Amino acid sequence: MDFSSQLKEVKYPMPEEMPEKTRQLFLIFRDAVHREQEAQTIYKRAAELCEDQELKRVLLGFYNDEVRHEAALVKQYNRLRERYNVQAE
């Protein structure tokens, strides 16, 4: 199953006036936020387990990148949500 067909299966109330491409983008942002959060958990846990300080620094850098990515995605997600008056989950 390809990604676009997975999006169509998502049961989420969307306003009728939201264009299909925007709807898909909205759902992609929502999914990406969850993936960024999962990545944060992975990198943080790996850094906690790491005894090599250089590798730990790299892993914490990855963690911080994911935090920034999440913030940028949430901003765009909320912008679309407000524009189309989509209720929060």
PDB file of N, CA and C in Angstrom:
ATOM      1  N   MET A   1       0.855  -1.182   0.000  1.00  0.00           N
ATOM      2  CA  MET A   1       0.000   0.000   0.000  1.00  0.00           C
ATOM      3  C   MET A   1       0.895   1.238   0.000  1.00  0.00           C
ATOM      4  N   ASP A   2       0.624   2.175  -0.900  1.00  0.00           N
ATOM      5  CA  ASP A   2       1.450   3.380  -0.950  1.00  0.00           C
ATOM      6  C   ASP A   2       0.971   4.418   0.057  1.00  0.00           C
ATOM      7  N   PHE A   3       1.802   5.436   0.274  1.00  0.00           N
ATOM      8  CA  PHE A   3       1.545   6.418   1.326  1.00  0.00           C
ATOM      9  C   PHE A   3       0.245   7.184   1.093  1.00  0.00           C
ATOM     10  N   SER A   4      -0.030   7.561  -0.150  1.00  0.00           N
ATOM     11  CA  SER A   4      -1.243   8.343  -0.404  1.00  0.00           C
ATOM     12  C   SER A   4      -2.499   7.529  -0.124  1.00  0.00           C
ATOM     13  N   SER A   5      -2.484   6.227  -0.378  1.00  0.00           N
ATOM     14  CA  SER A   5      -3.668   5.425  -0.062  1.00  0.00           C
ATOM     15  C   SER A   5      -3.800   5.246   1.442  1.00  0.00           C
ATOM     16  N   GLN A   6      -2.695   5.233   2.169  1.00  0.00           N
ATOM     17  CA  GLN A   6      -2.765   5.172   3.629  1.00  0.00           C
ATOM     18  C   GLN A   6      -3.410   6.437   4.176  1.00  0.00           C
ATOM     19  N   LEU A   7      -3.090   7.582   3.578  1.00  0.00           N
ATOM     20  CA  LEU A   7      -3.674   8.845   4.024  1.00  0.00           C
ATOM     21  C   LEU A   7      -5.184   8.847   3.836  1.00  0.00           C
ATOM     22  N   LYS A   8      -5.647   8.288   2.732  1.00  0.00           N
ATOM     23  CA  LYS A   8      -7.081   8.279   2.464  1.00  0.00           C
ATOM     24  C   LYS A   8      -7.836   7.416   3.454  1.00  0.00           C
ATOM     25  N   GLU A   9      -7.152   6.441   4.070  1.00  0.00           N
ATOM     26  CA  GLU A   9      -7.795   5.570   5.040  1.00  0.00           C
ATOM     27  C   GLU A   9      -7.902   6.208   6.420  1.00  0.00           C
ATOM     28  N   VAL A  10      -7.172   7.284   6.651  1.00  0.00           N
ATOM     29  CA  VAL A  10      -7.199   7.930   7.956  1.00  0.00           C
ATOM     30  C   VAL A  10      -8.579   8.527   8.187  1.00  0.00           C
ATOM     31  N   LYS A  11      -9.166   8.181   9.310  1.00  0.00           N
ATOM     32  CA  LYS A  11     -10.477   8.715   9.664  1.00  0.00           C
ATOM     33  C   LYS A  11     -10.263   9.964  10.519  1.00  0.00           C
ATOM     34  N   TYR A  12     -10.418  11.111   9.910  1.00  0.00           N
ATOM     35  CA  TYR A  12     -10.192  12.369  10.609  1.00  0.00           C
ATOM     36  C   TYR A  12     -11.141  13.391  10.010  1.00  0.00           C
ATOM     37  N   PRO A  13     -11.942  14.046  10.814  1.00  0.00           N
ATOM     38  CA  PRO A  13     -12.908  14.999  10.259  1.00  0.00           C
ATOM     39  C   PRO A  13     -12.209  16.207   9.638  1.00  0.00           C
ATOM     40  N   MET A  14     -12.404  16.380   8.360  1.00  0.00           N
ATOM     41  CA  MET A  14     -11.803  17.498   7.642  1.00  0.00           C
ATOM     42  C   MET A  14     -12.909  18.349   7.048  1.00  0.00           C
ATOM     43  N   PRO A  15     -12.721  19.658   7.045  1.00  0.00           N
ATOM     44  CA  PRO A  15     -13.716  20.541   6.435  1.00  0.00           C
ATOM     45  C   PRO A  15     -13.829  20.261   4.942  1.00  0.00           C
ATOM     46  N   GLU A  16     -15.011  20.389   4.421  1.00  0.00           N
ATOM     47  CA  GLU A  16     -15.255  20.159   2.996  1.00  0.00           C
ATOM     48  C   GLU A  16     -14.452  21.114   2.114  1.00  0.00           C
ATOM     49  N   GLU A  17     -14.221  22.339   2.597  1.00  0.00           N
ATOM     50  CA  GLU A  17     -13.541  23.330   1.759  1.00  0.00           C
ATOM     51  C   GLU A  17     -12.027  23.124   1.693  1.00  0.00           C
ATOM     52  N   MET A  18     -11.489  22.166   2.451  1.00  0.00           N
ATOM     53  CA  MET A  18     -10.053  21.918   2.402  1.00  0.00           C
ATOM     54  C   MET A  18      -9.715  21.148   1.124  1.00  0.00           C
ATOM     55  N   PRO A  19      -8.855  21.717   0.261  1.00  0.00           N
ATOM     56  CA  PRO A  19      -8.456  21.003  -0.954  1.00  0.00           C
ATOM     57  C   PRO A  19      -7.767  19.678  -0.616  1.00  0.00           C
ATOM     58  N   GLU A  20      -7.896  18.707  -1.496  1.00  0.00           N
ATOM     59  CA  GLU A  20      -7.348  17.372  -1.252  1.00  0.00           C
ATOM     60  C   GLU A  20      -5.843  17.418  -1.000  1.00  0.00           C
ATOM     61  N   LYS A  21      -5.100  18.182  -1.763  1.00  0.00           N
ATOM     62  CA  LYS A  21      -3.649  18.252  -1.554  1.00  0.00           C
ATOM     63  C   LYS A  21      -3.322  18.851  -0.186  1.00  0.00           C
ATOM     64  N   THR A  22      -4.088  19.837   0.238  1.00  0.00           N
ATOM     65  CA  THR A  22      -3.880  20.433   1.555  1.00  0.00           C
ATOM     66  C   THR A  22      -4.226  19.430   2.638  1.00  0.00           C
ATOM     67  N   ARG A  23      -5.289  18.661   2.448  1.00  0.00           N
ATOM     68  CA  ARG A  23      -5.673  17.613   3.398  1.00  0.00           C
ATOM     69  C   ARG A  23      -4.544  16.613   3.566  1.00  0.00           C
ATOM     70  N   GLN A  24      -3.965  16.193   2.448  1.00  0.00           N
ATOM     71  CA  GLN A  24      -2.857  15.244   2.512  1.00  0.00           C
ATOM     72  C   GLN A  24      -1.659  15.859   3.220  1.00  0.00           C
ATOM     73  N   LEU A  25      -1.361  17.117   2.932  1.00  0.00           N
ATOM     74  CA  LEU A  25      -0.250  17.803   3.586  1.00  0.00           C
ATOM     75  C   LEU A  25      -0.496  17.893   5.089  1.00  0.00           C
ATOM     76  N   PHE A  26      -1.707  18.237   5.470  1.00  0.00           N
ATOM     77  CA  PHE A  26      -2.090  18.307   6.876  1.00  0.00           C
ATOM     78  C   PHE A  26      -1.818  16.969   7.573  1.00  0.00           C
ATOM     79  N   LEU A  27      -2.233  15.881   6.952  1.00  0.00           N
ATOM     80  CA  LEU A  27      -2.033  14.555   7.539  1.00  0.00           C
ATOM     81  C   LEU A  27      -0.554  14.159   7.569  1.00  0.00           C
ATOM     82  N   ILE A  28       0.176  14.574   6.558  1.00  0.00           N
ATOM     83  CA  ILE A  28       1.621  14.307   6.544  1.00  0.00           C
ATOM     84  C   ILE A  28       2.293  15.035   7.704  1.00  0.00           C
ATOM     85  N   PHE A  29       1.932  16.311   7.905  1.00  0.00           N
ATOM     86  CA  PHE A  29       2.500  17.059   9.032  1.00  0.00           C
ATOM     87  C   PHE A  29       2.181  16.360  10.353  1.00  0.00           C
ATOM     88  N   ARG A  30       0.940  15.924  10.515  1.00  0.00           N
ATOM     89  CA  ARG A  30       0.543  15.264  11.760  1.00  0.00           C
ATOM     90  C   ARG A  30       1.370  13.994  11.979  1.00  0.00           C
ATOM     91  N   ASP A  31       1.521  13.204  10.928  1.00  0.00           N
ATOM     92  CA  ASP A  31       2.310  11.983  11.035  1.00  0.00           C
ATOM     93  C   ASP A  31       3.780  12.301  11.294  1.00  0.00           C
ATOM     94  N   ALA A  32       4.299  13.310  10.633  1.00  0.00           N
ATOM     95  CA  ALA A  32       5.708  13.678  10.794  1.00  0.00           C
ATOM     96  C   ALA A  32       6.007  14.138  12.218  1.00  0.00           C
ATOM     97  N   VAL A  33       5.074  14.848  12.844  1.00  0.00           N
ATOM     98  CA  VAL A  33       5.261  15.267  14.238  1.00  0.00           C
ATOM     99  C   VAL A  33       5.442  14.044  15.124  1.00  0.00           C
ATOM    100  N   HIS A  34       4.607  13.035  14.923  1.00  0.00           N
ATOM    101  CA  HIS A  34       4.723  11.807  15.718  1.00  0.00           C
ATOM    102  C   HIS A  34       6.065  11.113  15.477  1.00  0.00           C
ATOM    103  N   ARG A  35       6.498  11.107  14.235  1.00  0.00           N
ATOM    104  CA  ARG A  35       7.793  10.471  13.915  1.00  0.00           C
ATOM    105  C   ARG A  35       8.963  11.239  14.524  1.00  0.00           C
ATOM    106  N   GLU A  36       8.875  12.556  14.527  1.00  0.00           N
ATOM    107  CA  GLU A  36       9.922  13.360  15.162  1.00  0.00           C
ATOM    108  C   GLU A  36       9.985  13.052  16.660  1.00  0.00           C
ATOM    109  N   GLN A  37       8.826  12.910  17.287  1.00  0.00           N
ATOM    110  CA  GLN A  37       8.786  12.585  18.711  1.00  0.00           C
ATOM    111  C   GLN A  37       9.393  11.200  18.975  1.00  0.00           C
ATOM    112  N   GLU A  38       9.103  10.255  18.106  1.00  0.00           N
ATOM    113  CA  GLU A  38       9.691   8.917  18.251  1.00  0.00           C
ATOM    114  C   GLU A  38      11.211   8.978  18.110  1.00  0.00           C
ATOM    115  N   ALA A  39      11.683   9.751  17.138  1.00  0.00           N
ATOM    116  CA  ALA A  39      13.127   9.884  16.928  1.00  0.00           C
ATOM    117  C   ALA A  39      13.787  10.538  18.142  1.00  0.00           C
ATOM    118  N   GLN A  40      13.122  11.529  18.732  1.00  0.00           N
ATOM    119  CA  GLN A  40      13.663  12.160  19.933  1.00  0.00           C
ATOM    120  C   GLN A  40      13.858  11.131  21.037  1.00  0.00           C
ATOM    121  N   THR A  41      12.865  10.295  21.224  1.00  0.00           N
ATOM    122  CA  THR A  41      12.940   9.251  22.255  1.00  0.00           C
ATOM    123  C   THR A  41      14.109   8.317  21.997  1.00  0.00           C
ATOM    124  N   ILE A  42      14.283   7.915  20.756  1.00  0.00           N
ATOM    125  CA  ILE A  42      15.368   6.993  20.394  1.00  0.00           C
ATOM    126  C   ILE A  42      16.733   7.624  20.652  1.00  0.00           C
ATOM    127  N   TYR A  43      16.933   8.856  20.159  1.00  0.00           N
ATOM    128  CA  TYR A  43      18.241   9.502  20.318  1.00  0.00           C
ATOM    129  C   TYR A  43      18.548   9.820  21.778  1.00  0.00           C
ATOM    130  N   LYS A  44      17.548  10.229  22.517  1.00  0.00           N
ATOM    131  CA  LYS A  44      17.765  10.534  23.933  1.00  0.00           C
ATOM    132  C   LYS A  44      18.143   9.262  24.696  1.00  0.00           C
ATOM    133  N   ARG A  45      17.434   8.177  24.415  1.00  0.00           N
ATOM    134  CA  ARG A  45      17.731   6.901  25.086  1.00  0.00           C
ATOM    135  C   ARG A  45      19.133   6.412  24.714  1.00  0.00           C
ATOM    136  N   ALA A  46      19.471   6.526  23.449  1.00  0.00           N
ATOM    137  CA  ALA A  46      20.810   6.109  23.005  1.00  0.00           C
ATOM    138  C   ALA A  46      21.887   6.937  23.697  1.00  0.00           C
ATOM    139  N   ALA A  47      21.670   8.238  23.818  1.00  0.00           N
ATOM    140  CA  ALA A  47      22.650   9.102  24.488  1.00  0.00           C
ATOM    141  C   ALA A  47      22.792   8.722  25.957  1.00  0.00           C
ATOM    142  N   GLU A  48      21.679   8.363  26.596  1.00  0.00           N
ATOM    143  CA  GLU A  48      21.735   7.955  28.003  1.00  0.00           C
ATOM    144  C   GLU A  48      22.555   6.676  28.181  1.00  0.00           C
ATOM    145  N   LEU A  49      22.516   5.794  27.206  1.00  0.00           N
ATOM    146  CA  LEU A  49      23.237   4.524  27.282  1.00  0.00           C
ATOM    147  C   LEU A  49      24.701   4.639  26.859  1.00  0.00           C
ATOM    148  N   CYS A  50      25.023   5.717  26.169  1.00  0.00           N
ATOM    149  CA  CYS A  50      26.338   5.865  25.561  1.00  0.00           C
ATOM    150  C   CYS A  50      27.402   6.266  26.587  1.00  0.00           C
ATOM    151  N   GLU A  51      28.526   5.555  26.553  1.00  0.00           N
ATOM    152  CA  GLU A  51      29.650   5.893  27.429  1.00  0.00           C
ATOM    153  C   GLU A  51      30.700   6.722  26.702  1.00  0.00           C
ATOM    154  N   ASP A  52      30.694   6.672  25.380  1.00  0.00           N
ATOM    155  CA  ASP A  52      31.624   7.451  24.562  1.00  0.00           C
ATOM    156  C   ASP A  52      31.093   8.885  24.487  1.00  0.00           C
ATOM    157  N   GLN A  53      31.823   9.836  25.042  1.00  0.00           N
ATOM    158  CA  GLN A  53      31.358  11.218  25.137  1.00  0.00           C
ATOM    159  C   GLN A  53      31.183  11.888  23.774  1.00  0.00           C
ATOM    160  N   GLU A  54      32.056  11.579  22.826  1.00  0.00           N
ATOM    161  CA  GLU A  54      31.927  12.158  21.485  1.00  0.00           C
ATOM    162  C   GLU A  54      30.648  11.648  20.813  1.00  0.00           C
ATOM    163  N   LEU A  55      30.399  10.355  20.891  1.00  0.00           N
ATOM    164  CA  LEU A  55      29.184   9.788  20.309  1.00  0.00           C
ATOM    165  C   LEU A  55      27.942  10.312  21.031  1.00  0.00           C
ATOM    166  N   LYS A  56      28.042  10.450  22.343  1.00  0.00           N
ATOM    167  CA  LYS A  56      26.928  10.995  23.116  1.00  0.00           C
ATOM    168  C   LYS A  56      26.599  12.416  22.648  1.00  0.00           C
ATOM    169  N   ARG A  57      27.626  13.222  22.395  1.00  0.00           N
ATOM    170  CA  ARG A  57      27.434  14.581  21.902  1.00  0.00           C
ATOM    171  C   ARG A  57      26.733  14.574  20.552  1.00  0.00           C
ATOM    172  N   VAL A  58      27.136  13.662  19.672  1.00  0.00           N
ATOM    173  CA  VAL A  58      26.505  13.541  18.351  1.00  0.00           C
ATOM    174  C   VAL A  58      25.036  13.145  18.498  1.00  0.00           C
ATOM    175  N   LEU A  59      24.763  12.175  19.351  1.00  0.00           N
ATOM    176  CA  LEU A  59      23.382  11.709  19.555  1.00  0.00           C
ATOM    177  C   LEU A  59      22.502  12.817  20.134  1.00  0.00           C
ATOM    178  N   LEU A  60      23.038  13.588  21.063  1.00  0.00           N
ATOM    179  CA  LEU A  60      22.276  14.703  21.628  1.00  0.00           C
ATOM    180  C   LEU A  60      22.051  15.800  20.577  1.00  0.00           C
ATOM    181  N   GLY A  61      23.009  15.946  19.659  1.00  0.00           N
ATOM    182  CA  GLY A  61      22.820  16.870  18.543  1.00  0.00           C
ATOM    183  C   GLY A  61      21.676  16.414  17.641  1.00  0.00           C
ATOM    184  N   PHE A  62      21.616  15.095  17.372  1.00  0.00           N
ATOM    185  CA  PHE A  62      20.494  14.548  16.598  1.00  0.00           C
ATOM    186  C   PHE A  62      19.176  14.793  17.329  1.00  0.00           C
ATOM    187  N   TYR A  63      19.174  14.570  18.636  1.00  0.00           N
ATOM    188  CA  TYR A  63      17.980  14.801  19.450  1.00  0.00           C
ATOM    189  C   TYR A  63      17.522  16.257  19.304  1.00  0.00           C
ATOM    190  N   ASN A  64      18.454  17.192  19.426  1.00  0.00           N
ATOM    191  CA  ASN A  64      18.110  18.619  19.309  1.00  0.00           C
ATOM    192  C   ASN A  64      17.595  18.970  17.915  1.00  0.00           C
ATOM    193  N   ASP A  65      18.160  18.325  16.882  1.00  0.00           N
ATOM    194  CA  ASP A  65      17.650  18.524  15.519  1.00  0.00           C
ATOM    195  C   ASP A  65      16.188  18.099  15.432  1.00  0.00           C
ATOM    196  N   GLU A  66      15.867  16.954  16.021  1.00  0.00           N
ATOM    197  CA  GLU A  66      14.492  16.445  15.976  1.00  0.00           C
ATOM    198  C   GLU A  66      13.537  17.368  16.738  1.00  0.00           C
ATOM    199  N   VAL A  67      14.004  17.961  17.819  1.00  0.00           N
ATOM    200  CA  VAL A  67      13.179  18.917  18.574  1.00  0.00           C
ATOM    201  C   VAL A  67      12.859  20.123  17.690  1.00  0.00           C
ATOM    202  N   ARG A  68      13.863  20.623  16.973  1.00  0.00           N
ATOM    203  CA  ARG A  68      13.641  21.762  16.069  1.00  0.00           C
ATOM    204  C   ARG A  68      12.696  21.389  14.930  1.00  0.00           C
ATOM    205  N   HIS A  69      12.901  20.192  14.373  1.00  0.00           N
ATOM    206  CA  HIS A  69      12.013  19.728  13.295  1.00  0.00           C
ATOM    207  C   HIS A  69      10.568  19.659  13.784  1.00  0.00           C
ATOM    208  N   GLU A  70      10.379  19.100  14.969  1.00  0.00           N
ATOM    209  CA  GLU A  70       9.029  18.985  15.524  1.00  0.00           C
ATOM    210  C   GLU A  70       8.386  20.366  15.675  1.00  0.00           C
ATOM    211  N   ALA A  71       9.136  21.318  16.201  1.00  0.00           N
ATOM    212  CA  ALA A  71       8.593  22.667  16.407  1.00  0.00           C
ATOM    213  C   ALA A  71       8.174  23.296  15.078  1.00  0.00           C
ATOM    214  N   ALA A  72       8.985  23.124  14.046  1.00  0.00           N
ATOM    215  CA  ALA A  72       8.653  23.683  12.730  1.00  0.00           C
ATOM    216  C   ALA A  72       7.410  23.008  12.150  1.00  0.00           C
ATOM    217  N   LEU A  73       7.314  21.701  12.295  1.00  0.00           N
ATOM    218  CA  LEU A  73       6.146  20.976  11.793  1.00  0.00           C
ATOM    219  C   LEU A  73       4.881  21.353  12.549  1.00  0.00           C
ATOM    220  N   VAL A  74       4.973  21.458  13.866  1.00  0.00           N
ATOM    221  CA  VAL A  74       3.808  21.831  14.675  1.00  0.00           C
ATOM    222  C   VAL A  74       3.315  23.219  14.270  1.00  0.00           C
ATOM    223  N   LYS A  75       4.238  24.124  14.006  1.00  0.00           N
ATOM    224  CA  LYS A  75       3.860  25.481  13.591  1.00  0.00           C
ATOM    225  C   LYS A  75       3.041  25.435  12.299  1.00  0.00           C
ATOM    226  N   GLN A  76       3.514  24.678  11.314  1.00  0.00           N
ATOM    227  CA  GLN A  76       2.791  24.585  10.042  1.00  0.00           C
ATOM    228  C   GLN A  76       1.479  23.816  10.187  1.00  0.00           C
ATOM    229  N   TYR A  77       1.502  22.757  10.966  1.00  0.00           N
ATOM    230  CA  TYR A  77       0.297  21.971  11.244  1.00  0.00           C
ATOM    231  C   TYR A  77      -0.770  22.864  11.867  1.00  0.00           C
ATOM    232  N   ASN A  78      -0.392  23.641  12.875  1.00  0.00           N
ATOM    233  CA  ASN A  78      -1.350  24.527  13.541  1.00  0.00           C
ATOM    234  C   ASN A  78      -1.833  25.645  12.621  1.00  0.00           C
ATOM    235  N   ARG A  79      -0.963  26.107  11.756  1.00  0.00           N
ATOM    236  CA  ARG A  79      -1.358  27.135  10.789  1.00  0.00           C
ATOM    237  C   ARG A  79      -2.461  26.607   9.877  1.00  0.00           C
ATOM    238  N   LEU A  80      -2.290  25.387   9.377  1.00  0.00           N
ATOM    239  CA  LEU A  80      -3.323  24.778   8.535  1.00  0.00           C
ATOM    240  C   LEU A  80      -4.591  24.502   9.343  1.00  0.00           C
ATOM    241  N   ARG A  81      -4.412  24.014  10.556  1.00  0.00           N
ATOM    242  CA  ARG A  81      -5.558  23.696  11.415  1.00  0.00           C
ATOM    243  C   ARG A  81      -6.395  24.953  11.662  1.00  0.00           C
ATOM    244  N   GLU A  82      -5.741  26.059  11.951  1.00  0.00           N
ATOM    245  CA  GLU A  82      -6.452  27.319  12.195  1.00  0.00           C
ATOM    246  C   GLU A  82      -7.090  27.861  10.914  1.00  0.00           C
ATOM    247  N   ARG A  83      -6.359  27.779   9.812  1.00  0.00           N
ATOM    248  CA  ARG A  83      -6.872  28.297   8.541  1.00  0.00           C
ATOM    249  C   ARG A  83      -8.168  27.609   8.134  1.00  0.00           C
ATOM    250  N   TYR A  84      -8.242  26.293   8.364  1.00  0.00           N
ATOM    251  CA  TYR A  84      -9.407  25.526   7.951  1.00  0.00           C
ATOM    252  C   TYR A  84     -10.324  25.159   9.115  1.00  0.00           C
ATOM    253  N   ASN A  85     -10.038  25.721  10.283  1.00  0.00           N
ATOM    254  CA  ASN A  85     -10.876  25.514  11.456  1.00  0.00           C
ATOM    255  C   ASN A  85     -11.050  24.025  11.794  1.00  0.00           C
ATOM    256  N   VAL A  86      -9.940  23.298  11.803  1.00  0.00           N
ATOM    257  CA  VAL A  86      -9.955  21.882  12.148  1.00  0.00           C
ATOM    258  C   VAL A  86      -9.781  21.784  13.650  1.00  0.00           C
ATOM    259  N   GLN A  87     -10.672  21.072  14.298  1.00  0.00           N
ATOM    260  CA  GLN A  87     -10.612  20.915  15.750  1.00  0.00           C
ATOM    261  C   GLN A  87      -9.393  20.081  16.147  1.00  0.00           C
ATOM    262  N   ALA A  88      -8.795  20.423  17.282  1.00  0.00           N
ATOM    263  CA  ALA A  88      -7.649  19.667  17.794  1.00  0.00           C
ATOM    264  C   ALA A  88      -8.089  18.256  18.136  1.00  0.00           C
ATOM    265  N   GLU A  89      -7.139  17.341  18.032  1.00  0.00           N
ATOM    266  CA  GLU A  89      -7.430  15.938  18.334  1.00  0.00           C
ATOM    267  C   GLU A  89      -7.637  15.754  19.815  1.00  0.00           C
TER     268      GLU A  89
END
